[in-house]
Amino acid sequence: MAHIPNIATMPSSKIVFNGPLDEMSTYYIRVTNVGDQAIKFGIKTSTPRLFAKPNKEMLNAGASMDIGITRDGFDPAMEETKGDTLTLEWSAMNESEVFQPGTMKGDGLLRKMLYIEYNV
């Protein structure tokens, strides 16, 4: 199996959204390809109130990209927030491969989970 480059994220383990939570808010994370070959990655969220833009992209070796994580406004007293997460999935790209957003399926995916915290 081919070597899959690693990524680094900033923040590294969790995203914190500060109140007020009833208004839409965007938090930017930085994704860096710390490997020596290009990768393709996708971002999934565990709840519809969160979305990432862009949510599928490619990153050359050593490159970084800022990703906007947007949270819709909500009432934390009325909605369960425990277990909210953001999951990054990525795999290596072949030198001849052209990035297509729908190519994030199959074997060889690595995953990193970032937990979401809400401060009222």
N, C-alpha and C. Protein backbone atom coordinates (compact mmCIF):
# COMPACT_ATOMS: atom_id res chain seq x y z
N MET A 1 0.84 -1.18 0.00
CA MET A 1 0.00 0.00 0.00
C MET A 1 0.88 1.24 0.00
N ALA A 2 0.51 2.22 -0.75
CA ALA A 2 1.27 3.46 -0.86
C ALA A 2 1.22 4.26 0.44
N HIS A 3 2.27 5.02 0.68
CA HIS A 3 2.34 5.89 1.84
C HIS A 3 1.33 7.03 1.69
N ILE A 4 0.58 7.30 2.74
CA ILE A 4 -0.38 8.41 2.72
C ILE A 4 0.19 9.53 3.57
N PRO A 5 0.36 10.72 2.99
CA PRO A 5 0.90 11.85 3.75
C PRO A 5 -0.01 12.22 4.92
N ASN A 6 0.58 12.79 5.94
CA ASN A 6 -0.19 13.23 7.09
C ASN A 6 -0.60 14.69 6.92
N ILE A 7 -1.56 15.12 7.73
CA ILE A 7 -1.96 16.51 7.74
C ILE A 7 -1.83 17.05 9.16
N ALA A 8 -1.77 18.36 9.25
CA ALA A 8 -1.81 19.05 10.54
C ALA A 8 -2.96 20.04 10.48
N THR A 9 -3.64 20.21 11.60
CA THR A 9 -4.72 21.20 11.66
C THR A 9 -4.44 22.18 12.79
N MET A 10 -4.90 23.39 12.61
CA MET A 10 -4.82 24.41 13.64
C MET A 10 -6.21 24.99 13.77
N PRO A 11 -6.92 24.73 14.84
CA PRO A 11 -6.51 24.03 16.04
C PRO A 11 -6.34 22.53 15.80
N SER A 12 -5.66 21.88 16.74
CA SER A 12 -5.30 20.48 16.53
C SER A 12 -6.33 19.48 17.01
N SER A 13 -7.20 19.85 17.98
CA SER A 13 -8.11 18.84 18.52
C SER A 13 -9.55 19.28 18.69
N LYS A 14 -9.81 20.58 18.87
CA LYS A 14 -11.20 21.01 19.02
C LYS A 14 -11.39 22.43 18.51
N ILE A 15 -12.63 22.71 18.13
CA ILE A 15 -13.06 24.03 17.68
C ILE A 15 -14.01 24.57 18.74
N VAL A 16 -13.81 25.82 19.15
CA VAL A 16 -14.66 26.42 20.17
C VAL A 16 -15.44 27.58 19.56
N PHE A 17 -16.76 27.48 19.61
CA PHE A 17 -17.63 28.57 19.20
C PHE A 17 -18.10 29.29 20.45
N ASN A 18 -17.84 30.60 20.52
CA ASN A 18 -18.28 31.40 21.66
C ASN A 18 -19.63 32.03 21.36
N GLY A 19 -20.40 32.31 22.43
CA GLY A 19 -21.72 32.91 22.29
C GLY A 19 -21.64 34.34 21.79
N PRO A 20 -22.75 34.90 21.35
CA PRO A 20 -24.08 34.30 21.39
C PRO A 20 -24.22 33.22 20.32
N LEU A 21 -24.91 32.14 20.67
CA LEU A 21 -25.05 31.01 19.76
C LEU A 21 -26.28 31.09 18.88
N ASP A 22 -27.14 32.08 19.13
CA ASP A 22 -28.35 32.20 18.30
C ASP A 22 -28.08 32.93 16.99
N GLU A 23 -26.83 33.33 16.77
CA GLU A 23 -26.44 33.99 15.52
C GLU A 23 -25.45 33.09 14.76
N MET A 24 -25.48 33.16 13.43
CA MET A 24 -24.53 32.40 12.61
C MET A 24 -23.11 32.89 12.89
N SER A 25 -22.17 31.96 12.90
CA SER A 25 -20.78 32.30 13.18
C SER A 25 -19.87 31.40 12.36
N THR A 26 -18.72 31.95 11.91
CA THR A 26 -17.75 31.16 11.15
C THR A 26 -16.41 31.16 11.88
N TYR A 27 -15.83 29.98 11.99
CA TYR A 27 -14.52 29.77 12.61
C TYR A 27 -13.62 29.18 11.52
N TYR A 28 -12.43 29.71 11.38
CA TYR A 28 -11.52 29.23 10.35
C TYR A 28 -10.48 28.29 10.94
N ILE A 29 -10.33 27.14 10.30
CA ILE A 29 -9.26 26.23 10.67
C ILE A 29 -8.24 26.21 9.53
N ARG A 30 -7.01 25.90 9.87
CA ARG A 30 -5.97 25.77 8.85
C ARG A 30 -5.61 24.30 8.72
N VAL A 31 -5.64 23.82 7.48
CA VAL A 31 -5.25 22.45 7.17
C VAL A 31 -3.94 22.52 6.40
N THR A 32 -2.94 21.77 6.84
CA THR A 32 -1.62 21.77 6.20
C THR A 32 -1.24 20.34 5.82
N ASN A 33 -0.84 20.17 4.58
CA ASN A 33 -0.32 18.89 4.12
C ASN A 33 1.16 18.85 4.49
N VAL A 34 1.49 18.08 5.52
CA VAL A 34 2.88 18.01 5.97
C VAL A 34 3.66 16.90 5.27
N GLY A 35 3.03 16.24 4.32
CA GLY A 35 3.66 15.17 3.57
C GLY A 35 4.43 15.67 2.36
N ASP A 36 4.95 14.72 1.59
CA ASP A 36 5.76 15.05 0.42
C ASP A 36 5.05 14.76 -0.90
N GLN A 37 3.73 14.55 -0.85
CA GLN A 37 2.96 14.40 -2.09
C GLN A 37 1.57 14.99 -1.89
N ALA A 38 0.91 15.30 -2.99
CA ALA A 38 -0.42 15.92 -2.93
C ALA A 38 -1.44 14.97 -2.29
N ILE A 39 -2.43 15.57 -1.64
CA ILE A 39 -3.53 14.80 -1.06
C ILE A 39 -4.85 15.40 -1.54
N LYS A 40 -5.90 14.60 -1.42
CA LYS A 40 -7.27 15.09 -1.59
C LYS A 40 -7.94 14.87 -0.25
N PHE A 41 -8.81 15.82 0.15
CA PHE A 41 -9.46 15.67 1.44
C PHE A 41 -10.91 16.10 1.37
N GLY A 42 -11.67 15.60 2.31
CA GLY A 42 -13.07 15.95 2.46
C GLY A 42 -13.36 16.19 3.93
N ILE A 43 -14.38 17.01 4.20
CA ILE A 43 -14.76 17.33 5.58
C ILE A 43 -16.23 17.00 5.77
N LYS A 44 -16.51 16.26 6.85
CA LYS A 44 -17.88 15.90 7.20
C LYS A 44 -18.19 16.47 8.58
N THR A 45 -19.46 16.80 8.81
CA THR A 45 -19.89 17.26 10.12
C THR A 45 -20.93 16.29 10.67
N SER A 46 -21.04 16.25 11.99
CA SER A 46 -21.98 15.33 12.63
C SER A 46 -23.37 15.93 12.82
N THR A 47 -23.55 17.18 12.44
CA THR A 47 -24.83 17.85 12.63
C THR A 47 -25.09 18.82 11.48
N PRO A 48 -26.35 18.98 11.07
CA PRO A 48 -26.65 19.91 9.97
C PRO A 48 -26.40 21.38 10.31
N ARG A 49 -26.25 21.72 11.60
CA ARG A 49 -26.02 23.13 11.95
C ARG A 49 -24.59 23.58 11.62
N LEU A 50 -23.70 22.63 11.28
CA LEU A 50 -22.32 22.93 10.92
C LEU A 50 -22.06 22.57 9.47
N PHE A 51 -21.31 23.43 8.77
CA PHE A 51 -20.86 23.06 7.43
C PHE A 51 -19.51 23.70 7.15
N ALA A 52 -18.76 23.07 6.26
CA ALA A 52 -17.41 23.51 5.92
C ALA A 52 -17.38 24.01 4.49
N LYS A 53 -16.58 25.06 4.26
CA LYS A 53 -16.42 25.59 2.91
C LYS A 53 -14.97 25.97 2.70
N PRO A 54 -14.26 25.36 1.76
CA PRO A 54 -14.72 24.26 0.92
C PRO A 54 -14.76 22.97 1.74
N ASN A 55 -15.58 22.03 1.31
CA ASN A 55 -15.68 20.77 2.04
C ASN A 55 -14.93 19.63 1.35
N LYS A 56 -14.49 19.84 0.12
CA LYS A 56 -13.66 18.86 -0.61
C LYS A 56 -12.64 19.65 -1.42
N GLU A 57 -11.39 19.22 -1.32
CA GLU A 57 -10.33 19.98 -2.00
C GLU A 57 -9.09 19.11 -2.11
N MET A 58 -8.09 19.61 -2.81
CA MET A 58 -6.78 18.97 -2.88
C MET A 58 -5.75 19.94 -2.33
N LEU A 59 -4.66 19.37 -1.83
CA LEU A 59 -3.59 20.18 -1.24
C LEU A 59 -2.26 19.61 -1.69
N ASN A 60 -1.43 20.44 -2.28
CA ASN A 60 -0.09 20.01 -2.69
C ASN A 60 0.79 19.80 -1.46
N ALA A 61 1.88 19.09 -1.64
CA ALA A 61 2.83 18.84 -0.55
C ALA A 61 3.29 20.16 0.06
N GLY A 62 3.23 20.25 1.38
CA GLY A 62 3.68 21.44 2.09
C GLY A 62 2.73 22.61 2.07
N ALA A 63 1.62 22.51 1.36
CA ALA A 63 0.68 23.63 1.23
C ALA A 63 -0.31 23.65 2.40
N SER A 64 -0.86 24.85 2.65
CA SER A 64 -1.87 25.05 3.69
C SER A 64 -3.09 25.71 3.08
N MET A 65 -4.22 25.54 3.74
CA MET A 65 -5.47 26.14 3.28
C MET A 65 -6.34 26.46 4.49
N ASP A 66 -6.99 27.61 4.48
CA ASP A 66 -7.95 27.96 5.52
C ASP A 66 -9.32 27.49 5.09
N ILE A 67 -10.03 26.83 6.02
CA ILE A 67 -11.36 26.29 5.77
C ILE A 67 -12.32 26.97 6.73
N GLY A 68 -13.41 27.52 6.20
CA GLY A 68 -14.43 28.14 7.05
C GLY A 68 -15.40 27.10 7.57
N ILE A 69 -15.53 27.03 8.89
CA ILE A 69 -16.50 26.15 9.53
C ILE A 69 -17.61 27.06 10.04
N THR A 70 -18.76 26.97 9.41
CA THR A 70 -19.87 27.85 9.75
C THR A 70 -20.89 27.11 10.59
N ARG A 71 -21.33 27.79 11.65
CA ARG A 71 -22.35 27.25 12.53
C ARG A 71 -23.59 28.11 12.40
N ASP A 72 -24.71 27.45 12.08
CA ASP A 72 -25.99 28.17 12.06
C ASP A 72 -26.36 28.54 13.49
N GLY A 73 -27.13 29.62 13.63
CA GLY A 73 -27.61 30.00 14.95
C GLY A 73 -28.55 28.94 15.50
N PHE A 74 -28.48 28.72 16.81
CA PHE A 74 -29.36 27.73 17.45
C PHE A 74 -29.46 28.03 18.93
N ASP A 75 -30.43 27.42 19.59
CA ASP A 75 -30.64 27.56 21.03
C ASP A 75 -30.07 26.32 21.71
N PRO A 76 -28.93 26.44 22.41
CA PRO A 76 -28.32 25.26 23.03
C PRO A 76 -29.19 24.63 24.11
N ALA A 77 -30.15 25.36 24.65
CA ALA A 77 -31.05 24.79 25.65
C ALA A 77 -32.07 23.85 25.00
N MET A 78 -32.28 24.01 23.69
CA MET A 78 -33.29 23.21 22.99
C MET A 78 -32.68 22.11 22.11
N GLU A 79 -31.38 22.14 21.89
CA GLU A 79 -30.73 21.17 21.00
C GLU A 79 -29.56 20.49 21.70
N GLU A 80 -29.40 19.22 21.44
CA GLU A 80 -28.27 18.45 21.98
C GLU A 80 -26.99 18.82 21.22
N THR A 81 -25.95 19.14 21.95
CA THR A 81 -24.68 19.50 21.31
C THR A 81 -23.56 18.52 21.64
N LYS A 82 -23.79 17.66 22.61
CA LYS A 82 -22.77 16.69 22.99
C LYS A 82 -22.52 15.75 21.80
N GLY A 83 -21.28 15.57 21.48
CA GLY A 83 -20.94 14.69 20.37
C GLY A 83 -20.81 15.39 19.02
N ASP A 84 -20.94 16.72 18.98
CA ASP A 84 -20.75 17.43 17.72
C ASP A 84 -19.27 17.35 17.32
N THR A 85 -19.03 16.94 16.09
CA THR A 85 -17.66 16.77 15.61
C THR A 85 -17.53 17.19 14.14
N LEU A 86 -16.29 17.36 13.76
CA LEU A 86 -15.91 17.63 12.38
C LEU A 86 -14.88 16.55 12.04
N THR A 87 -15.07 15.85 10.94
CA THR A 87 -14.15 14.78 10.56
C THR A 87 -13.49 15.10 9.22
N LEU A 88 -12.17 15.10 9.20
CA LEU A 88 -11.41 15.26 7.96
C LEU A 88 -10.99 13.88 7.49
N GLU A 89 -11.22 13.59 6.22
CA GLU A 89 -10.77 12.35 5.59
C GLU A 89 -9.87 12.73 4.42
N TRP A 90 -8.75 12.04 4.27
CA TRP A 90 -7.85 12.36 3.18
C TRP A 90 -7.13 11.11 2.69
N SER A 91 -6.61 11.23 1.48
CA SER A 91 -5.79 10.17 0.90
C SER A 91 -4.81 10.80 -0.07
N ALA A 92 -3.79 10.04 -0.41
CA ALA A 92 -2.76 10.51 -1.34
C ALA A 92 -3.33 10.57 -2.75
N MET A 93 -2.78 11.48 -3.54
CA MET A 93 -3.14 11.57 -4.96
C MET A 93 -1.96 11.07 -5.78
N ASN A 94 -2.26 10.32 -6.83
CA ASN A 94 -1.22 9.91 -7.78
C ASN A 94 -0.77 11.13 -8.56
N GLU A 95 0.45 11.11 -9.07
CA GLU A 95 0.98 12.25 -9.82
C GLU A 95 0.13 12.57 -11.04
N SER A 96 -0.46 11.55 -11.66
CA SER A 96 -1.26 11.77 -12.87
C SER A 96 -2.74 12.01 -12.58
N GLU A 97 -3.14 11.92 -11.31
CA GLU A 97 -4.55 12.06 -10.95
C GLU A 97 -5.00 13.51 -11.01
N VAL A 98 -6.19 13.71 -11.56
CA VAL A 98 -6.82 15.03 -11.57
C VAL A 98 -7.86 15.04 -10.46
N PHE A 99 -7.82 16.07 -9.60
CA PHE A 99 -8.75 16.12 -8.47
C PHE A 99 -10.19 16.25 -8.95
N GLN A 100 -11.04 15.39 -8.41
CA GLN A 100 -12.48 15.45 -8.63
C GLN A 100 -13.13 15.28 -7.27
N PRO A 101 -14.05 16.19 -6.89
CA PRO A 101 -14.63 16.14 -5.55
C PRO A 101 -15.27 14.81 -5.16
N GLY A 102 -15.76 14.03 -6.10
CA GLY A 102 -16.43 12.78 -5.78
C GLY A 102 -15.50 11.59 -5.59
N THR A 103 -14.19 11.81 -5.51
CA THR A 103 -13.24 10.69 -5.46
C THR A 103 -12.77 10.36 -4.05
N MET A 104 -13.54 10.66 -3.04
CA MET A 104 -13.13 10.42 -1.66
C MET A 104 -13.62 9.09 -1.12
N LYS A 105 -13.90 8.13 -1.98
CA LYS A 105 -14.39 6.82 -1.53
C LYS A 105 -13.29 5.78 -1.70
N GLY A 106 -13.44 4.68 -0.98
CA GLY A 106 -12.52 3.57 -1.17
C GLY A 106 -11.52 3.39 -0.05
N ASP A 107 -10.57 2.50 -0.31
CA ASP A 107 -9.54 2.18 0.68
C ASP A 107 -8.50 3.29 0.73
N GLY A 108 -7.72 3.29 1.81
CA GLY A 108 -6.60 4.21 1.91
C GLY A 108 -6.95 5.58 2.45
N LEU A 109 -8.11 5.74 3.09
CA LEU A 109 -8.46 7.02 3.69
C LEU A 109 -7.94 7.08 5.12
N LEU A 110 -7.41 8.23 5.50
CA LEU A 110 -7.07 8.50 6.89
C LEU A 110 -8.10 9.49 7.42
N ARG A 111 -8.29 9.47 8.74
CA ARG A 111 -9.29 10.35 9.36
C ARG A 111 -8.70 11.07 10.56
N LYS A 112 -9.19 12.28 10.74
CA LYS A 112 -8.88 13.06 11.94
C LYS A 112 -10.17 13.71 12.39
N MET A 113 -10.46 13.61 13.69
CA MET A 113 -11.68 14.18 14.22
C MET A 113 -11.36 15.40 15.08
N LEU A 114 -12.11 16.48 14.86
CA LEU A 114 -12.03 17.66 15.72
C LEU A 114 -13.35 17.77 16.47
N TYR A 115 -13.27 17.93 17.78
CA TYR A 115 -14.48 18.06 18.59
C TYR A 115 -14.95 19.51 18.59
N ILE A 116 -16.25 19.69 18.71
CA ILE A 116 -16.85 21.02 18.72
C ILE A 116 -17.31 21.33 20.14
N GLU A 117 -16.93 22.51 20.62
CA GLU A 117 -17.33 22.97 21.95
C GLU A 117 -18.07 24.30 21.78
N TYR A 118 -19.11 24.49 22.58
CA TYR A 118 -19.90 25.72 22.53
C TYR A 118 -19.84 26.41 23.88
N ASN A 119 -19.42 27.67 23.90
CA ASN A 119 -19.41 28.49 25.12
C ASN A 119 -20.58 29.46 25.04
N VAL A 120 -21.48 29.34 25.99
CA VAL A 120 -22.67 30.20 25.99
C VAL A 120 -22.31 31.57 26.49
